[in-house]
C-alpha atoms as a PDB file:
ATOM      1  CA  MET A   1     133.358  98.628 -48.457  1.00  0.00           C
ATOM      2  CA  LYS A   2     136.383  99.041 -45.985  1.00  0.00           C
ATOM      3  CA  ASN A   3     136.360 101.563 -43.684  1.00  0.00           C
ATOM      4  CA  ILE A   4     139.022 100.752 -41.247  1.00  0.00           C
ATOM      5  CA  ASN A   5     142.351 101.025 -41.566  1.00  0.00           C
ATOM      6  CA  ILE A   6     144.774  99.640 -38.887  1.00  0.00           C
ATOM      7  CA  LEU A   7     147.698 101.940 -39.502  1.00  0.00           C
ATOM      8  CA  ASN A   8     149.668 100.877 -35.779  1.00  0.00           C
ATOM      9  CA  THR A   9     149.589  98.087 -33.274  1.00  0.00           C
ATOM     10  CA  GLN A  10     151.906  98.457 -30.101  1.00  0.00           C
ATOM     11  CA  ILE A  11     151.424  95.926 -27.100  1.00  0.00           C
ATOM     12  CA  LEU A  12     151.508  97.422 -23.919  1.00  0.00           C
ATOM     13  CA  SER A  13     151.295  94.705 -21.807  1.00  0.00           C
ATOM     14  CA  ASP A  14     151.692  90.563 -22.168  1.00  0.00           C
ATOM     15  CA  ASN A  15     151.197  89.771 -18.847  1.00  0.00           C
ATOM     16  CA  TRP A  16     147.946  88.139 -17.877  1.00  0.00           C
ATOM     17  CA  TYR A  17     146.345  88.956 -21.239  1.00  0.00           C
ATOM     18  CA  THR A  18     147.341  91.019 -24.383  1.00  0.00           C
ATOM     19  CA  LEU A  19     146.903  94.886 -24.359  1.00  0.00           C
ATOM     20  CA  LYS A  20     147.055  96.365 -27.216  1.00  0.00           C
ATOM     21  CA  LYS A  21     146.944 100.327 -28.701  1.00  0.00           C
ATOM     22  CA  VAL A  22     145.464 100.780 -31.871  1.00  0.00           C
ATOM     23  CA  SER A  23     145.774 103.549 -33.840  1.00  0.00           C
ATOM     24  CA  PHE A  24     143.156 103.247 -37.090  1.00  0.00           C
ATOM     25  CA  GLU A  25     141.896 105.643 -39.909  1.00  0.00           C
ATOM     26  CA  ILE A  26     138.170 105.396 -40.185  1.00  0.00           C
ATOM     27  CA  ILE A  27     135.609 106.236 -42.912  1.00  0.00           C
ATOM     28  CA  ARG A  28     132.416 107.329 -40.808  1.00  0.00           C
ATOM     29  CA  LEU A  29     128.976 106.928 -42.040  1.00  0.00           C
ATOM     30  CA  ASP A  30     128.796 110.423 -43.164  1.00  0.00           C
ATOM     31  CA  GLY A  31     132.099 109.566 -45.617  1.00  0.00           C
ATOM     32  CA  ALA A  32     134.632 111.731 -43.471  1.00  0.00           C
ATOM     33  CA  LYS A  33     137.740 110.473 -42.557  1.00  0.00           C
ATOM     34  CA  SER A  34     139.229 109.814 -38.462  1.00  0.00           C
ATOM     35  CA  ILE A  35     142.002 108.970 -37.163  1.00  0.00           C
ATOM     36  CA  LEU A  36     141.194 107.384 -34.054  1.00  0.00           C
ATOM     37  CA  GLU A  37     143.555 104.995 -31.172  1.00  0.00           C
ATOM     38  CA  ARG A  38     142.378 102.455 -28.725  1.00  0.00           C
ATOM     39  CA  GLU A  39     143.090 100.468 -26.389  1.00  0.00           C
ATOM     40  CA  ALA A  40     141.826  96.889 -26.330  1.00  0.00           C
ATOM     41  CA  TYR A  41     142.486  93.961 -23.887  1.00  0.00           C
ATOM     42  CA  ASP A  42     143.148  90.450 -25.259  1.00  0.00           C
ATOM     43  CA  ARG A  43     141.760  87.865 -23.323  1.00  0.00           C
ATOM     44  CA  GLY A  44     140.378  85.351 -25.642  1.00  0.00           C
ATOM     45  CA  ASN A  45     136.830  84.182 -26.389  1.00  0.00           C
ATOM     46  CA  GLY A  46     134.842  82.322 -23.663  1.00  0.00           C
ATOM     47  CA  ALA A  47     132.293  80.643 -22.597  1.00  0.00           C
ATOM     48  CA  THR A  48     129.144  80.871 -19.913  1.00  0.00           C
ATOM     49  CA  ILE A  49     126.337  78.310 -18.703  1.00  0.00           C
ATOM     50  CA  LEU A  50     123.039  78.674 -16.457  1.00  0.00           C
ATOM     51  CA  LEU A  51     122.675  74.821 -15.405  1.00  0.00           C
ATOM     52  CA  TYR A  52     119.102  74.397 -13.427  1.00  0.00           C
ATOM     53  CA  ASN A  53     116.682  71.734 -12.156  1.00  0.00           C
ATOM     54  CA  LYS A  54     112.965  71.767 -14.151  1.00  0.00           C
ATOM     55  CA  GLU A  55     111.667  69.392 -11.299  1.00  0.00           C
ATOM     56  CA  TYR A  56     113.375  71.117  -7.930  1.00  0.00           C
ATOM     57  CA  LYS A  57     113.253  74.529  -9.326  1.00  0.00           C
ATOM     58  CA  THR A  58     116.915  75.228  -8.959  1.00  0.00           C
ATOM     59  CA  VAL A  59     120.043  76.632 -11.012  1.00  0.00           C
ATOM     60  CA  VAL A  60     123.982  76.050  -9.766  1.00  0.00           C
ATOM     61  CA  LEU A  61     125.830  79.676  -9.571  1.00  0.00           C
ATOM     62  CA  THR A  62     129.061  80.304  -8.421  1.00  0.00           C
ATOM     63  CA  ARG A  63     131.038  82.838  -5.918  1.00  0.00           C
ATOM     64  CA  GLN A  64     134.695  83.355  -6.802  1.00  0.00           C
ATOM     65  CA  PHE A  65     137.032  86.658  -6.080  1.00  0.00           C
ATOM     66  CA  ARG A  66     137.713  88.660  -8.316  1.00  0.00           C
ATOM     67  CA  ILE A  67     139.906  91.585  -8.488  1.00  0.00           C
ATOM     68  CA  PRO A  68     138.322  94.367 -10.694  1.00  0.00           C
ATOM     69  CA  THR A  69     135.051  94.707  -8.952  1.00  0.00           C
ATOM     70  CA  PHE A  70     137.037  95.257  -5.966  1.00  0.00           C
ATOM     71  CA  ILE A  71     138.972  97.331  -6.404  1.00  0.00           C
ATOM     72  CA  ASN A  72     135.986  99.835  -8.304  1.00  0.00           C
ATOM     73  CA  GLY A  73     134.291  99.153  -4.595  1.00  0.00           C
ATOM     74  CA  ASN A  74     132.709  96.035  -4.495  1.00  0.00           C
ATOM     75  CA  GLU A  75     133.705  95.464  -0.251  1.00  0.00           C
ATOM     76  CA  THR A  76     134.404  91.966  -0.388  1.00  0.00           C
ATOM     77  CA  GLY A  77     135.070  91.523  -4.199  1.00  0.00           C
ATOM     78  CA  TYR A  78     132.843  88.074  -4.126  1.00  0.00           C
ATOM     79  CA  LEU A  79     130.819  87.469  -7.263  1.00  0.00           C
ATOM     80  CA  ILE A  80     127.769  85.432  -7.682  1.00  0.00           C
ATOM     81  CA  GLU A  81     127.960  83.629 -10.992  1.00  0.00           C
ATOM     82  CA  CYS A  82     126.990  81.401 -13.866  1.00  0.00           C
ATOM     83  CA  CYS A  83     130.271  78.658 -14.246  1.00  0.00           C
ATOM     84  CA  ALA A  84     132.131  80.314 -16.893  1.00  0.00           C
ATOM     85  CA  GLY A  85     135.757  80.009 -18.624  1.00  0.00           C
ATOM     86  CA  LEU A  86     138.164  80.933 -21.428  1.00  0.00           C
ATOM     87  CA  LEU A  87     137.703  78.709 -24.599  1.00  0.00           C
ATOM     88  CA  ASP A  88     142.213  78.936 -24.783  1.00  0.00           C
ATOM     89  CA  LYS A  89     141.783  75.580 -27.748  1.00  0.00           C
ATOM     90  CA  ASP A  90     139.001  74.485 -27.386  1.00  0.00           C
ATOM     91  CA  ASN A  91     135.867  75.164 -29.354  1.00  0.00           C
ATOM     92  CA  ALA A  92     132.687  76.641 -27.316  1.00  0.00           C
ATOM     93  CA  GLU A  93     130.770  72.982 -25.982  1.00  0.00           C
ATOM     94  CA  ASP A  94     133.521  71.437 -25.257  1.00  0.00           C
ATOM     95  CA  CYS A  95     135.321  74.284 -22.633  1.00  0.00           C
ATOM     96  CA  ILE A  96     131.845  74.765 -21.430  1.00  0.00           C
ATOM     97  CA  ARG A  97     131.887  71.119 -20.440  1.00  0.00           C
ATOM     98  CA  ARG A  98     135.137  70.968 -18.614  1.00  0.00           C
ATOM     99  CA  GLU A  99     134.439  74.116 -17.084  1.00  0.00           C
ATOM    100  CA  THR A 100     131.359  72.457 -15.568  1.00  0.00           C
ATOM    101  CA  GLU A 101     132.748  69.849 -13.810  1.00  0.00           C
ATOM    102  CA  GLU A 102     135.969  71.616 -13.078  1.00  0.00           C
ATOM    103  CA  GLU A 103     133.742  74.176 -11.152  1.00  0.00           C
ATOM    104  CA  THR A 104     130.576  73.133 -10.088  1.00  0.00           C
ATOM    105  CA  GLY A 105     131.603  69.061  -9.781  1.00  0.00           C
ATOM    106  CA  PHE A 106     128.816  67.968 -12.548  1.00  0.00           C
ATOM    107  CA  ARG A 107     128.881  66.382 -15.842  1.00  0.00           C
ATOM    108  CA  ILE A 108     126.205  67.590 -17.773  1.00  0.00           C
ATOM    109  CA  ASP A 109     125.016  65.354 -20.855  1.00  0.00           C
ATOM    110  CA  HIS A 110     123.569  68.042 -23.081  1.00  0.00           C
ATOM    111  CA  VAL A 111     123.814  71.478 -23.435  1.00  0.00           C
ATOM    112  CA  GLU A 112     122.203  74.688 -25.860  1.00  0.00           C
ATOM    113  CA  LYS A 113     123.800  77.236 -26.747  1.00  0.00           C
ATOM    114  CA  VAL A 114     121.388  80.200 -26.609  1.00  0.00           C
ATOM    115  CA  PHE A 115     122.916  83.460 -28.091  1.00  0.00           C
ATOM    116  CA  GLU A 116     126.555  84.645 -28.430  1.00  0.00           C
ATOM    117  CA  ALA A 117     127.348  88.548 -26.909  1.00  0.00           C
ATOM    118  CA  TYR A 118     130.693  91.069 -26.433  1.00  0.00           C
ATOM    119  CA  MET A 119     130.331  91.907 -23.096  1.00  0.00           C
ATOM    120  CA  SER A 120     132.566  95.106 -22.819  1.00  0.00           C
ATOM    121  CA  PRO A 121     132.966  96.017 -26.822  1.00  0.00           C
ATOM    122  CA  GLY A 122     134.174  99.169 -26.093  1.00  0.00           C
ATOM    123  CA  SER A 123     137.483  97.938 -24.155  1.00  0.00           C
ATOM    124  CA  VAL A 124     137.522  94.327 -24.660  1.00  0.00           C
ATOM    125  CA  THR A 125     137.967  91.755 -27.399  1.00  0.00           C
ATOM    126  CA  GLU A 126     135.710  88.830 -25.637  1.00  0.00           C
ATOM    127  CA  LEU A 127     132.887  87.058 -27.713  1.00  0.00           C
ATOM    128  CA  LEU A 128     130.797  85.398 -24.653  1.00  0.00           C
ATOM    129  CA  TYR A 129     129.079  82.060 -25.634  1.00  0.00           C
ATOM    130  CA  PHE A 130     125.805  81.423 -23.666  1.00  0.00           C
ATOM    131  CA  PHE A 131     124.892  78.371 -22.565  1.00  0.00           C
ATOM    132  CA  VAL A 132     122.176  76.399 -20.562  1.00  0.00           C
ATOM    133  CA  ALA A 133     122.346  73.205 -19.014  1.00  0.00           C
ATOM    134  CA  ALA A 134     119.301  70.880 -17.471  1.00  0.00           C
ATOM    135  CA  TYR A 135     120.903  68.618 -14.268  1.00  0.00           C
ATOM    136  CA  SER A 136     120.392  66.069 -11.507  1.00  0.00           C
ATOM    137  CA  SER A 137     121.754  64.961  -8.339  1.00  0.00           C
ATOM    138  CA  ASP A 138     123.070  61.756 -10.280  1.00  0.00           C
ATOM    139  CA  MET A 139     125.496  64.169 -12.638  1.00  0.00           C
ATOM    140  CA  LYS A 140     127.419  65.173  -9.587  1.00  0.00           C
ATOM    141  CA  LEU A 141     130.583  63.815  -9.209  1.00  0.00           C
ATOM    142  CA  HIS A 142     132.591  66.057  -7.172  1.00  0.00           C
ATOM    143  CA  ASN A 143     132.191  69.066  -4.858  1.00  0.00           C
ATOM    144  CA  GLY A 144     133.606  71.059  -8.180  1.00  0.00           C
ATOM    145  CA  GLY A 145     135.728  74.442  -6.634  1.00  0.00           C
ATOM    146  CA  GLY A 146     137.727  74.814  -9.816  1.00  0.00           C
ATOM    147  CA  LEU A 147     141.935  74.310  -9.835  1.00  0.00           C
ATOM    148  CA  LYS A 148     143.895  74.778  -7.551  1.00  0.00           C
ATOM    149  CA  GLU A 149     146.284  75.079 -10.067  1.00  0.00           C
ATOM    150  CA  GLU A 150     144.728  78.128 -11.615  1.00  0.00           C
ATOM    151  CA  ASN A 151     144.508  79.110  -7.873  1.00  0.00           C
ATOM    152  CA  GLU A 152     140.914  78.829  -7.960  1.00  0.00           C
ATOM    153  CA  TYR A 153     138.513  78.579  -5.174  1.00  0.00           C
ATOM    154  CA  ILE A 154     134.613  78.592  -6.255  1.00  0.00           C
ATOM    155  CA  GLU A 155     131.833  77.829  -3.868  1.00  0.00           C
ATOM    156  CA  VAL A 156     129.457  75.961  -5.713  1.00  0.00           C
ATOM    157  CA  LEU A 157     125.871  77.380  -4.804  1.00  0.00           C
ATOM    158  CA  GLU A 158     122.338  75.894  -5.394  1.00  0.00           C
ATOM    159  CA  LEU A 159     120.267  78.447  -5.283  1.00  0.00           C
ATOM    160  CA  PRO A 160     116.121  78.211  -5.997  1.00  0.00           C
ATOM    161  CA  PHE A 161     115.745  80.493  -9.299  1.00  0.00           C
ATOM    162  CA  GLU A 162     113.275  81.987  -7.236  1.00  0.00           C
ATOM    163  CA  LYS A 163     115.833  83.595  -5.481  1.00  0.00           C
ATOM    164  CA  ALA A 164     118.634  84.179  -7.654  1.00  0.00           C
ATOM    165  CA  LEU A 165     116.193  86.282  -9.432  1.00  0.00           C
ATOM    166  CA  GLU A 166     115.405  88.179  -6.261  1.00  0.00           C
ATOM    167  CA  MET A 167     119.660  88.431  -5.704  1.00  0.00           C
ATOM    168  CA  ILE A 168     119.540  90.821  -9.235  1.00  0.00           C
ATOM    169  CA  LYS A 169     117.075  92.874  -7.775  1.00  0.00           C
ATOM    170  CA  SER A 170     118.742  93.336  -4.043  1.00  0.00           C
ATOM    171  CA  GLY A 171     122.196  93.630  -5.592  1.00  0.00           C
ATOM    172  CA  GLU A 172     123.258  90.607  -4.751  1.00  0.00           C
ATOM    173  CA  ILE A 173     123.871  89.335  -8.302  1.00  0.00           C
ATOM    174  CA  LYS A 174     125.244  92.071 -10.196  1.00  0.00           C
ATOM    175  CA  ASP A 175     127.269  89.905 -12.760  1.00  0.00           C
ATOM    176  CA  GLY A 176     126.206  90.750 -16.759  1.00  0.00           C
ATOM    177  CA  LYS A 177     126.049  87.036 -17.694  1.00  0.00           C
ATOM    178  CA  THR A 178     124.446  85.952 -14.473  1.00  0.00           C
ATOM    179  CA  ILE A 179     121.356  87.973 -15.078  1.00  0.00           C
ATOM    180  CA  MET A 180     121.355  87.539 -18.692  1.00  0.00           C
ATOM    181  CA  LEU A 181     121.550  83.695 -18.647  1.00  0.00           C
ATOM    182  CA  LEU A 182     118.887  84.030 -15.581  1.00  0.00           C
ATOM    183  CA  GLN A 183     116.448  86.386 -17.595  1.00  0.00           C
ATOM    184  CA  TYR A 184     116.853  83.876 -20.443  1.00  0.00           C
ATOM    185  CA  ALA A 185     115.641  81.327 -17.904  1.00  0.00           C
ATOM    186  CA  LEU A 186     112.563  83.090 -17.099  1.00  0.00           C
ATOM    187  CA  LEU A 187     111.907  84.897 -20.182  1.00  0.00           C
ATOM    188  CA  ASN A 188     112.044  81.029 -21.898  1.00  0.00           C
ATOM    189  CA  GLY A 189     109.961  79.439 -19.632  1.00  0.00           C
ATOM    190  CA  LEU A 190     112.565  77.148 -18.491  1.00  0.00           C
ATOM    191  CA  MET A 191     111.368  76.829 -15.212  1.00  0.00           C
ATOM    192  CA  LEU A 192     107.921  75.239 -16.237  1.00  0.00           C
END
């Protein structure tokens, strides 16, 4: 049963990514019809990864400036996060391998996709693909930090897994994708 009919789509902004205003008719579960308008921000789909070292019980995270957090009260604007990036024209696995090397300096051999999630489905179209991968010091090719031509200035952090979990409780880690992957690691015994 088709219960959504798009009536009109208007581009409000096409600067950084695309902001659309969509008018649509929806047939609700009770059979009633409503006409609604919503804005949706389309930045493409992305991928994220938690790098973990079982032997040393460590994880690799990044720290970078995020303007939306700054304007919403994050005093410094910096977030501690798992490595992530937009797919662009890659598939999720190729994307996360590329982003891992650019951002963290590690070239990983094997990645495992663990789930997919919409992170803010009320306003953002992005579907995020979540991965985990084991890493070791011999996989480190360079210091990471992202691409200068993309204005990426990323600090690479290697932290004890238990400390990263404590940082969720203390509020030092507030990034949703990072919290989800750290909890995945805990629930699935990746460090055992």
